[in-house]
Amino acid sequence: MQRPGEASSAHGPWVGLRPADASLRIGRLTASMARTRSPGYADQRDEILRRAAELFARNGYTATSMNEVADACGVSKAALYHYVRDKQELLFQIAAGHVGRLEQVIADVQAQPPARGTEAAEARLRALIDRFVREYASAQDEHRVLTEDVRFLADAEREQVLAAQRRVVAAFSDAVATVRPALARNAMDKPLAMLLFGMINWMFTWLKPGGPLTHEQMAPVVADLFFGGLGAVRKPAAPRPSRARPRAATTIPSPTSTIPTT
């Protein structure tokens, strides 16, 4: 699905920086911004990234100005630059943060006891599918930015994100090969992992909040279709009542009121 005024283009393999790598590389970008930070600086910065992701996802990276980002955040453009260096850094922080969270999902699943036997290996891959689909449900804007706007990053930063995506694909390929080792011997584990990502990566284009199906319901459908084809797909269970509270709008204060002047 293209946004107005955008031409389609080819993208590298979708999908995380290892959490430690993400923190290190993102930290390097902001190390030069050594200023006194107010309490809640990280929360305010996260809110800026969230609102920027909304704008980039809706309008496109190139069509969104820093003035629009500042207006959406309720701060001046000058105050916005206290949190990010420029629009390129905004894009990198959004993309790197998203893939970093996806790699944390993989790390969480892999931290469980090692899978032994086909059934246990399948359960682990199903857990990865389930966790990824659920993660996408709460990060649709960030995921759209990752899939469509990474091409606008500078070469070095884009390669960091693409390398992270390749590591995520490799983790899924390994999970597929653990279920059926013969696939790896025939070099089919990665192609099947890519087919799996083809099912889940573009859900944001059609699976909308408030629709007849939820991400929670669709996760086992994806897993059943991947493992058993159409004959294995079952009717989704009724959605469980949501306990999530609506995210309250956050007003981001100007940092100048809390930064000592010299």
C-alpha atoms as a PDB file:
ATOM      1  CA  MET A   1       0.000   0.000   0.000  1.00  0.00           C
ATOM      2  CA  GLN A   2       1.572   3.256  -1.173  1.00  0.00           C
ATOM      3  CA  ARG A   3       1.127   6.591   0.500  1.00  0.00           C
ATOM      4  CA  PRO A   4       0.112   9.586  -1.645  1.00  0.00           C
ATOM      5  CA  GLY A   5       2.940  10.868  -3.809  1.00  0.00           C
ATOM      6  CA  GLU A   6       5.279   7.928  -3.146  1.00  0.00           C
ATOM      7  CA  ALA A   7       6.643   5.584  -5.759  1.00  0.00           C
ATOM      8  CA  SER A   8       7.065   1.946  -4.973  1.00  0.00           C
ATOM      9  CA  SER A   9      10.579   0.636  -4.502  1.00  0.00           C
ATOM     10  CA  ALA A  10      12.398  -2.538  -3.615  1.00  0.00           C
ATOM     11  CA  HIS A  11      13.450  -3.040  -0.019  1.00  0.00           C
ATOM     12  CA  GLY A  12      16.130  -5.133   1.580  1.00  0.00           C
ATOM     13  CA  PRO A  13      15.201  -8.108   3.713  1.00  0.00           C
ATOM     14  CA  TRP A  14      12.712  -7.033   6.314  1.00  0.00           C
ATOM     15  CA  VAL A  15      12.828  -7.135   9.861  1.00  0.00           C
ATOM     16  CA  GLY A  16      16.590  -6.457  15.097  1.00  0.00           C
ATOM     17  CA  LEU A  17      19.571  -5.156  16.438  1.00  0.00           C
ATOM     18  CA  ARG A  18      20.654  -7.162  19.395  1.00  0.00           C
ATOM     19  CA  PRO A  19      19.339  -5.135  22.339  1.00  0.00           C
ATOM     20  CA  ALA A  20      22.840  -4.305  23.512  1.00  0.00           C
ATOM     21  CA  ASP A  21      23.899  -3.290  19.999  1.00  0.00           C
ATOM     22  CA  ALA A  22      20.815  -1.119  19.578  1.00  0.00           C
ATOM     23  CA  SER A  23      21.473   0.715  22.827  1.00  0.00           C
ATOM     24  CA  LEU A  24      25.149   1.176  21.975  1.00  0.00           C
ATOM     25  CA  ARG A  25      24.587   2.493  18.479  1.00  0.00           C
ATOM     26  CA  ILE A  26      21.674   4.714  19.409  1.00  0.00           C
ATOM     27  CA  GLY A  27      23.704   6.029  22.333  1.00  0.00           C
ATOM     28  CA  ARG A  28      26.523   7.024  20.000  1.00  0.00           C
ATOM     29  CA  LEU A  29      24.162   9.220  18.045  1.00  0.00           C
ATOM     30  CA  THR A  30      23.210  11.223  21.121  1.00  0.00           C
ATOM     31  CA  ALA A  31      26.518  11.244  22.957  1.00  0.00           C
ATOM     32  CA  SER A  32      27.342  14.633  21.446  1.00  0.00           C
ATOM     33  CA  MET A  33      24.173  16.107  22.983  1.00  0.00           C
ATOM     34  CA  ALA A  34      25.694  16.290  26.449  1.00  0.00           C
ATOM     35  CA  ARG A  35      23.293  18.608  28.196  1.00  0.00           C
ATOM     36  CA  THR A  36      21.630  18.573  31.560  1.00  0.00           C
ATOM     37  CA  ARG A  37      18.543  16.375  31.171  1.00  0.00           C
ATOM     38  CA  SER A  38      15.306  16.947  33.001  1.00  0.00           C
ATOM     39  CA  PRO A  39      13.549  14.200  34.966  1.00  0.00           C
ATOM     40  CA  GLY A  40      11.443  12.182  32.546  1.00  0.00           C
ATOM     41  CA  TYR A  41      13.731  12.975  29.589  1.00  0.00           C
ATOM     42  CA  ALA A  42      13.571   9.392  28.289  1.00  0.00           C
ATOM     43  CA  ASP A  43       9.772   9.300  28.490  1.00  0.00           C
ATOM     44  CA  GLN A  44       9.518  12.591  26.652  1.00  0.00           C
ATOM     45  CA  ARG A  45      11.902  11.362  23.966  1.00  0.00           C
ATOM     46  CA  ASP A  46       9.881   8.150  23.552  1.00  0.00           C
ATOM     47  CA  GLU A  47       6.737  10.230  23.100  1.00  0.00           C
ATOM     48  CA  ILE A  48       8.434  12.271  20.389  1.00  0.00           C
ATOM     49  CA  LEU A  49       9.473   9.077  18.591  1.00  0.00           C
ATOM     50  CA  ARG A  50       5.944   7.692  18.862  1.00  0.00           C
ATOM     51  CA  ARG A  51       4.348  10.801  17.420  1.00  0.00           C
ATOM     52  CA  ALA A  52       6.971  11.073  14.678  1.00  0.00           C
ATOM     53  CA  ALA A  53       6.280   7.438  13.744  1.00  0.00           C
ATOM     54  CA  GLU A  54       2.574   8.264  13.445  1.00  0.00           C
ATOM     55  CA  LEU A  55       3.333  11.127  11.067  1.00  0.00           C
ATOM     56  CA  PHE A  56       5.870   9.176   9.007  1.00  0.00           C
ATOM     57  CA  ALA A  57       3.478   6.222   8.717  1.00  0.00           C
ATOM     58  CA  ARG A  58       0.557   8.403   7.677  1.00  0.00           C
ATOM     59  CA  ASN A  59       2.242  10.963   5.435  1.00  0.00           C
ATOM     60  CA  GLY A  60       5.594   9.458   4.560  1.00  0.00           C
ATOM     61  CA  TYR A  61       9.039  10.379   5.832  1.00  0.00           C
ATOM     62  CA  THR A  62       9.900  12.789   3.032  1.00  0.00           C
ATOM     63  CA  ALA A  63       6.554  14.620   3.269  1.00  0.00           C
ATOM     64  CA  THR A  64       6.824  15.210   7.036  1.00  0.00           C
ATOM     65  CA  SER A  65       8.668  18.265   8.311  1.00  0.00           C
ATOM     66  CA  MET A  66      10.281  18.797  11.676  1.00  0.00           C
ATOM     67  CA  ASN A  67       7.837  21.672  12.191  1.00  0.00           C
ATOM     68  CA  GLU A  68       4.977  19.172  11.892  1.00  0.00           C
ATOM     69  CA  VAL A  69       6.673  16.827  14.350  1.00  0.00           C
ATOM     70  CA  ALA A  70       7.154  19.683  16.817  1.00  0.00           C
ATOM     71  CA  ASP A  71       3.512  20.745  16.446  1.00  0.00           C
ATOM     72  CA  ALA A  72       2.299  17.168  17.025  1.00  0.00           C
ATOM     73  CA  CYS A  73       4.430  17.000  20.174  1.00  0.00           C
ATOM     74  CA  GLY A  74       3.330  20.372  21.481  1.00  0.00           C
ATOM     75  CA  VAL A  75       6.855  21.786  21.607  1.00  0.00           C
ATOM     76  CA  SER A  76       8.811  24.383  19.683  1.00  0.00           C
ATOM     77  CA  LYS A  77      11.128  23.276  16.905  1.00  0.00           C
ATOM     78  CA  ALA A  78      14.072  24.475  19.005  1.00  0.00           C
ATOM     79  CA  ALA A  79      12.924  22.318  21.923  1.00  0.00           C
ATOM     80  CA  LEU A  80      12.559  19.321  19.605  1.00  0.00           C
ATOM     81  CA  TYR A  81      16.262  19.522  18.775  1.00  0.00           C
ATOM     82  CA  HIS A  82      17.040  19.029  22.442  1.00  0.00           C
ATOM     83  CA  TYR A  83      15.806  15.438  22.028  1.00  0.00           C
ATOM     84  CA  VAL A  84      16.990  14.550  18.516  1.00  0.00           C
ATOM     85  CA  ARG A  85      19.738  15.866  16.276  1.00  0.00           C
ATOM     86  CA  ASP A  86      17.677  15.982  13.056  1.00  0.00           C
ATOM     87  CA  LYS A  87      14.987  14.154  11.073  1.00  0.00           C
ATOM     88  CA  GLN A  88      17.438  11.439  10.026  1.00  0.00           C
ATOM     89  CA  GLU A  89      18.074  10.618  13.653  1.00  0.00           C
ATOM     90  CA  LEU A  90      14.328  10.445  14.262  1.00  0.00           C
ATOM     91  CA  LEU A  91      13.990   7.881  11.475  1.00  0.00           C
ATOM     92  CA  PHE A  92      16.931   5.835  12.699  1.00  0.00           C
ATOM     93  CA  GLN A  93      15.732   5.864  16.300  1.00  0.00           C
ATOM     94  CA  ILE A  94      12.263   4.675  15.251  1.00  0.00           C
ATOM     95  CA  ALA A  95      13.552   1.881  13.002  1.00  0.00           C
ATOM     96  CA  ALA A  96      16.379   0.743  15.291  1.00  0.00           C
ATOM     97  CA  GLY A  97      14.150   0.867  18.344  1.00  0.00           C
ATOM     98  CA  HIS A  98      11.514  -1.278  16.642  1.00  0.00           C
ATOM     99  CA  VAL A  99      13.910  -3.978  15.456  1.00  0.00           C
ATOM    100  CA  GLY A 100      15.621  -3.883  18.841  1.00  0.00           C
ATOM    101  CA  ARG A 101      12.326  -4.723  20.525  1.00  0.00           C
ATOM    102  CA  LEU A 102      11.763  -7.547  18.032  1.00  0.00           C
ATOM    103  CA  GLU A 103      15.145  -9.028  18.855  1.00  0.00           C
ATOM    104  CA  GLN A 104      14.275  -8.803  22.527  1.00  0.00           C
ATOM    105  CA  VAL A 105      11.196 -10.900  21.748  1.00  0.00           C
ATOM    106  CA  ILE A 106      13.463 -13.509  20.160  1.00  0.00           C
ATOM    107  CA  ALA A 107      15.794 -13.405  23.157  1.00  0.00           C
ATOM    108  CA  ASP A 108      12.852 -13.919  25.524  1.00  0.00           C
ATOM    109  CA  VAL A 109      11.618 -16.963  23.603  1.00  0.00           C
ATOM    110  CA  GLN A 110      15.123 -18.400  23.266  1.00  0.00           C
ATOM    111  CA  ALA A 111      15.649 -18.004  27.017  1.00  0.00           C
ATOM    112  CA  GLN A 112      13.119 -20.765  27.575  1.00  0.00           C
ATOM    113  CA  PRO A 113      14.452 -24.341  28.058  1.00  0.00           C
ATOM    114  CA  PRO A 114      15.951 -25.758  24.835  1.00  0.00           C
ATOM    115  CA  ALA A 115      13.466 -27.391  22.478  1.00  0.00           C
ATOM    116  CA  ARG A 116      13.895 -31.168  22.299  1.00  0.00           C
ATOM    117  CA  GLY A 117      11.915 -33.170  19.793  1.00  0.00           C
ATOM    118  CA  THR A 118       9.754 -32.034  16.906  1.00  0.00           C
ATOM    119  CA  GLU A 119       6.766 -31.053  19.050  1.00  0.00           C
ATOM    120  CA  ALA A 120       8.860 -28.859  21.340  1.00  0.00           C
ATOM    121  CA  ALA A 121      10.599 -27.235  18.358  1.00  0.00           C
ATOM    122  CA  GLU A 122       7.260 -26.513  16.731  1.00  0.00           C
ATOM    123  CA  ALA A 123       5.959 -25.019  19.984  1.00  0.00           C
ATOM    124  CA  ARG A 124       8.948 -22.663  20.077  1.00  0.00           C
ATOM    125  CA  LEU A 125       8.407 -21.491  16.490  1.00  0.00           C
ATOM    126  CA  ARG A 126       4.710 -21.013  17.237  1.00  0.00           C
ATOM    127  CA  ALA A 127       5.697 -18.920  20.242  1.00  0.00           C
ATOM    128  CA  LEU A 128       7.907 -16.739  18.035  1.00  0.00           C
ATOM    129  CA  ILE A 129       5.074 -16.242  15.554  1.00  0.00           C
ATOM    130  CA  ASP A 130       2.615 -15.424  18.318  1.00  0.00           C
ATOM    131  CA  ARG A 131       4.936 -12.937  20.026  1.00  0.00           C
ATOM    132  CA  PHE A 132       5.849 -11.181  16.773  1.00  0.00           C
ATOM    133  CA  VAL A 133       2.243 -10.773  15.652  1.00  0.00           C
ATOM    134  CA  ARG A 134       1.314  -9.379  19.061  1.00  0.00           C
ATOM    135  CA  GLU A 135       4.273  -7.001  18.999  1.00  0.00           C
ATOM    136  CA  TYR A 136       3.148  -5.687  15.617  1.00  0.00           C
ATOM    137  CA  ALA A 137      -0.293  -4.979  17.062  1.00  0.00           C
ATOM    138  CA  SER A 138       1.151  -2.294  19.349  1.00  0.00           C
ATOM    139  CA  ALA A 139       3.726  -0.967  16.884  1.00  0.00           C
ATOM    140  CA  GLN A 140       1.941  -0.637  13.558  1.00  0.00           C
ATOM    141  CA  ASP A 141       3.289   2.845  12.849  1.00  0.00           C
ATOM    142  CA  GLU A 142       6.855   1.869  13.739  1.00  0.00           C
ATOM    143  CA  HIS A 143       6.596  -1.260  11.623  1.00  0.00           C
ATOM    144  CA  ARG A 144       5.348   0.667   8.611  1.00  0.00           C
ATOM    145  CA  VAL A 145       8.242   3.100   8.983  1.00  0.00           C
ATOM    146  CA  LEU A 146      10.646   0.167   9.158  1.00  0.00           C
ATOM    147  CA  THR A 147       9.283  -1.511   6.035  1.00  0.00           C
ATOM    148  CA  GLU A 148       8.854   1.607   3.899  1.00  0.00           C
ATOM    149  CA  ASP A 149      11.200   4.395   5.011  1.00  0.00           C
ATOM    150  CA  VAL A 150      14.513   2.777   5.935  1.00  0.00           C
ATOM    151  CA  ARG A 151      15.705   3.461   2.384  1.00  0.00           C
ATOM    152  CA  PHE A 152      15.947   7.159   3.310  1.00  0.00           C
ATOM    153  CA  LEU A 153      18.609   6.547   5.958  1.00  0.00           C
ATOM    154  CA  ALA A 154      22.260   7.314   5.347  1.00  0.00           C
ATOM    155  CA  ASP A 155      24.212   4.296   4.102  1.00  0.00           C
ATOM    156  CA  ALA A 156      25.879   3.418   7.403  1.00  0.00           C
ATOM    157  CA  GLU A 157      22.697   3.677   9.470  1.00  0.00           C
ATOM    158  CA  ARG A 158      20.625   1.839   6.882  1.00  0.00           C
ATOM    159  CA  GLU A 159      23.129  -1.014   6.878  1.00  0.00           C
ATOM    160  CA  GLN A 160      22.897  -1.270  10.670  1.00  0.00           C
ATOM    161  CA  VAL A 161      19.134  -1.720  10.434  1.00  0.00           C
ATOM    162  CA  LEU A 162      19.313  -4.133   7.480  1.00  0.00           C
ATOM    163  CA  ALA A 163      22.000  -6.205   9.216  1.00  0.00           C
ATOM    164  CA  ALA A 164      19.726  -6.411  12.240  1.00  0.00           C
ATOM    165  CA  GLN A 165      16.854  -7.529  10.033  1.00  0.00           C
ATOM    166  CA  ARG A 166      19.037 -10.278   8.597  1.00  0.00           C
ATOM    167  CA  ARG A 167      19.793 -11.509  12.096  1.00  0.00           C
ATOM    168  CA  VAL A 168      16.081 -11.738  12.842  1.00  0.00           C
ATOM    169  CA  VAL A 169      15.525 -13.724   9.636  1.00  0.00           C
ATOM    170  CA  ALA A 170      18.406 -16.003  10.646  1.00  0.00           C
ATOM    171  CA  ALA A 171      16.797 -16.644  14.044  1.00  0.00           C
ATOM    172  CA  PHE A 172      13.539 -17.683  12.376  1.00  0.00           C
ATOM    173  CA  SER A 173      15.431 -19.772   9.817  1.00  0.00           C
ATOM    174  CA  ASP A 174      17.140 -21.616  12.660  1.00  0.00           C
ATOM    175  CA  ALA A 175      13.763 -22.208  14.325  1.00  0.00           C
ATOM    176  CA  VAL A 176      12.361 -23.621  11.066  1.00  0.00           C
ATOM    177  CA  ALA A 177      15.405 -25.872  10.645  1.00  0.00           C
ATOM    178  CA  THR A 178      15.032 -27.141  14.211  1.00  0.00           C
ATOM    179  CA  VAL A 179      11.526 -28.339  13.375  1.00  0.00           C
ATOM    180  CA  ARG A 180      12.674 -30.011  10.142  1.00  0.00           C
ATOM    181  CA  PRO A 181      16.479 -30.344   9.886  1.00  0.00           C
ATOM    182  CA  ALA A 182      16.248 -31.590   6.294  1.00  0.00           C
ATOM    183  CA  LEU A 183      15.130 -28.134   5.236  1.00  0.00           C
ATOM    184  CA  ALA A 184      18.480 -26.650   6.233  1.00  0.00           C
ATOM    185  CA  ARG A 185      20.351 -29.402   4.416  1.00  0.00           C
ATOM    186  CA  ASN A 186      18.413 -28.467   1.280  1.00  0.00           C
ATOM    187  CA  ALA A 187      18.827 -24.710   1.818  1.00  0.00           C
ATOM    188  CA  MET A 188      15.085 -24.231   2.283  1.00  0.00           C
ATOM    189  CA  ASP A 189      15.015 -22.944   5.854  1.00  0.00           C
ATOM    190  CA  LYS A 190      15.613 -19.283   4.947  1.00  0.00           C
ATOM    191  CA  PRO A 191      13.173 -19.203   1.985  1.00  0.00           C
ATOM    192  CA  LEU A 192      10.466 -20.645   4.231  1.00  0.00           C
ATOM    193  CA  ALA A 193      11.269 -18.114   6.940  1.00  0.00           C
ATOM    194  CA  MET A 194      10.910 -15.344   4.365  1.00  0.00           C
ATOM    195  CA  LEU A 195       7.553 -16.752   3.269  1.00  0.00           C
ATOM    196  CA  LEU A 196       6.481 -16.717   6.908  1.00  0.00           C
ATOM    197  CA  PHE A 197       7.494 -13.070   7.245  1.00  0.00           C
ATOM    198  CA  GLY A 198       5.572 -12.378   4.050  1.00  0.00           C
ATOM    199  CA  MET A 199       2.425 -13.392   5.918  1.00  0.00           C
ATOM    200  CA  ILE A 200       2.980 -11.371   9.062  1.00  0.00           C
ATOM    201  CA  ASN A 201       4.957  -8.303   7.932  1.00  0.00           C
ATOM    202  CA  TRP A 202       2.171  -6.729   5.914  1.00  0.00           C
ATOM    203  CA  MET A 203      -0.733  -7.332   8.268  1.00  0.00           C
ATOM    204  CA  PHE A 204      -0.738  -3.624   9.088  1.00  0.00           C
ATOM    205  CA  THR A 205      -2.088  -2.921   5.580  1.00  0.00           C
ATOM    206  CA  TRP A 206      -5.371  -4.734   6.223  1.00  0.00           C
ATOM    207  CA  LEU A 207      -5.738  -5.802   9.883  1.00  0.00           C
ATOM    208  CA  LYS A 208      -7.070  -2.695  11.563  1.00  0.00           C
ATOM    209  CA  PRO A 209      -7.989  -1.995  15.207  1.00  0.00           C
ATOM    210  CA  GLY A 210     -11.710  -2.439  15.811  1.00  0.00           C
ATOM    211  CA  GLY A 211     -12.134  -4.878  12.924  1.00  0.00           C
ATOM    212  CA  PRO A 212     -13.683  -8.357  13.083  1.00  0.00           C
ATOM    213  CA  LEU A 213     -10.313 -10.014  13.821  1.00  0.00           C
ATOM    214  CA  THR A 214      -7.499  -9.085  16.183  1.00  0.00           C
ATOM    215  CA  HIS A 215      -3.775  -9.748  16.015  1.00  0.00           C
ATOM    216  CA  GLU A 216      -4.197 -12.090  18.966  1.00  0.00           C
ATOM    217  CA  GLN A 217      -6.717 -14.143  16.968  1.00  0.00           C
ATOM    218  CA  MET A 218      -4.659 -14.128  13.788  1.00  0.00           C
ATOM    219  CA  ALA A 219      -1.400 -15.340  15.361  1.00  0.00           C
ATOM    220  CA  PRO A 220      -2.480 -19.026  15.606  1.00  0.00           C
ATOM    221  CA  VAL A 221      -4.040 -18.793  12.135  1.00  0.00           C
ATOM    222  CA  VAL A 222      -0.658 -17.779  10.718  1.00  0.00           C
ATOM    223  CA  ALA A 223       1.063 -20.609  12.591  1.00  0.00           C
ATOM    224  CA  ASP A 224      -1.520 -23.204  11.513  1.00  0.00           C
ATOM    225  CA  LEU A 225      -1.295 -22.118   7.875  1.00  0.00           C
ATOM    226  CA  PHE A 226       2.500 -22.214   7.959  1.00  0.00           C
ATOM    227  CA  PHE A 227       2.702 -25.661   9.532  1.00  0.00           C
ATOM    228  CA  GLY A 228      -0.247 -27.419   7.909  1.00  0.00           C
ATOM    229  CA  GLY A 229      -1.604 -25.458   4.957  1.00  0.00           C
ATOM    230  CA  LEU A 230      -5.253 -24.561   4.437  1.00  0.00           C
ATOM    231  CA  GLY A 231      -6.463 -27.871   5.841  1.00  0.00           C
ATOM    232  CA  ALA A 232      -4.961 -27.026   9.237  1.00  0.00           C
ATOM    233  CA  VAL A 233      -6.552 -23.580   9.648  1.00  0.00           C
ATOM    234  CA  ARG A 234      -9.154 -23.398  12.415  1.00  0.00           C
ATOM    235  CA  LYS A 235     -11.746 -20.772  13.215  1.00  0.00           C
ATOM    236  CA  PRO A 236     -10.136 -18.153  15.500  1.00  0.00           C
ATOM    237  CA  ALA A 237     -11.191 -18.187  19.127  1.00  0.00           C
ATOM    238  CA  ALA A 238     -13.271 -15.296  20.405  1.00  0.00           C
ATOM    239  CA  PRO A 239     -11.073 -12.375  21.478  1.00  0.00           C
ATOM    240  CA  ARG A 240     -10.381 -12.010  25.168  1.00  0.00           C
ATOM    241  CA  PRO A 241     -11.540  -8.804  26.859  1.00  0.00           C
ATOM    242  CA  SER A 242      -8.813  -6.212  26.603  1.00  0.00           C
ATOM    243  CA  ARG A 243      -7.354  -4.927  29.840  1.00  0.00           C
ATOM    244  CA  ALA A 244      -5.224  -2.321  28.141  1.00  0.00           C
ATOM    245  CA  ARG A 245      -6.063   1.232  29.023  1.00  0.00           C
ATOM    246  CA  PRO A 246      -6.175   3.836  26.251  1.00  0.00           C
ATOM    247  CA  ARG A 247      -2.882   5.623  26.000  1.00  0.00           C
ATOM    248  CA  ALA A 248      -3.334   9.097  27.368  1.00  0.00           C
ATOM    249  CA  ALA A 249      -2.097  12.034  25.378  1.00  0.00           C
ATOM    250  CA  THR A 250       1.143  13.347  26.741  1.00  0.00           C
ATOM    251  CA  THR A 251       2.151  16.973  26.677  1.00  0.00           C
ATOM    252  CA  ILE A 252       5.874  17.276  26.275  1.00  0.00           C
ATOM    253  CA  PRO A 253       7.205  20.233  28.224  1.00  0.00           C
ATOM    254  CA  SER A 254       9.863  22.462  26.821  1.00  0.00           C
ATOM    255  CA  PRO A 255      13.189  21.326  28.258  1.00  0.00           C
ATOM    256  CA  THR A 256      14.374  24.901  28.665  1.00  0.00           C
ATOM    257  CA  SER A 257      12.468  25.285  31.903  1.00  0.00           C
ATOM    258  CA  THR A 258      14.531  22.568  33.556  1.00  0.00           C
ATOM    259  CA  ILE A 259      17.924  23.185  32.001  1.00  0.00           C
ATOM    260  CA  PRO A 260      20.217  25.422  34.016  1.00  0.00           C
ATOM    261  CA  THR A 261      21.624  28.310  32.045  1.00  0.00           C
ATOM    262  CA  THR A 262      25.160  29.488  32.358  1.00  0.00           C
END
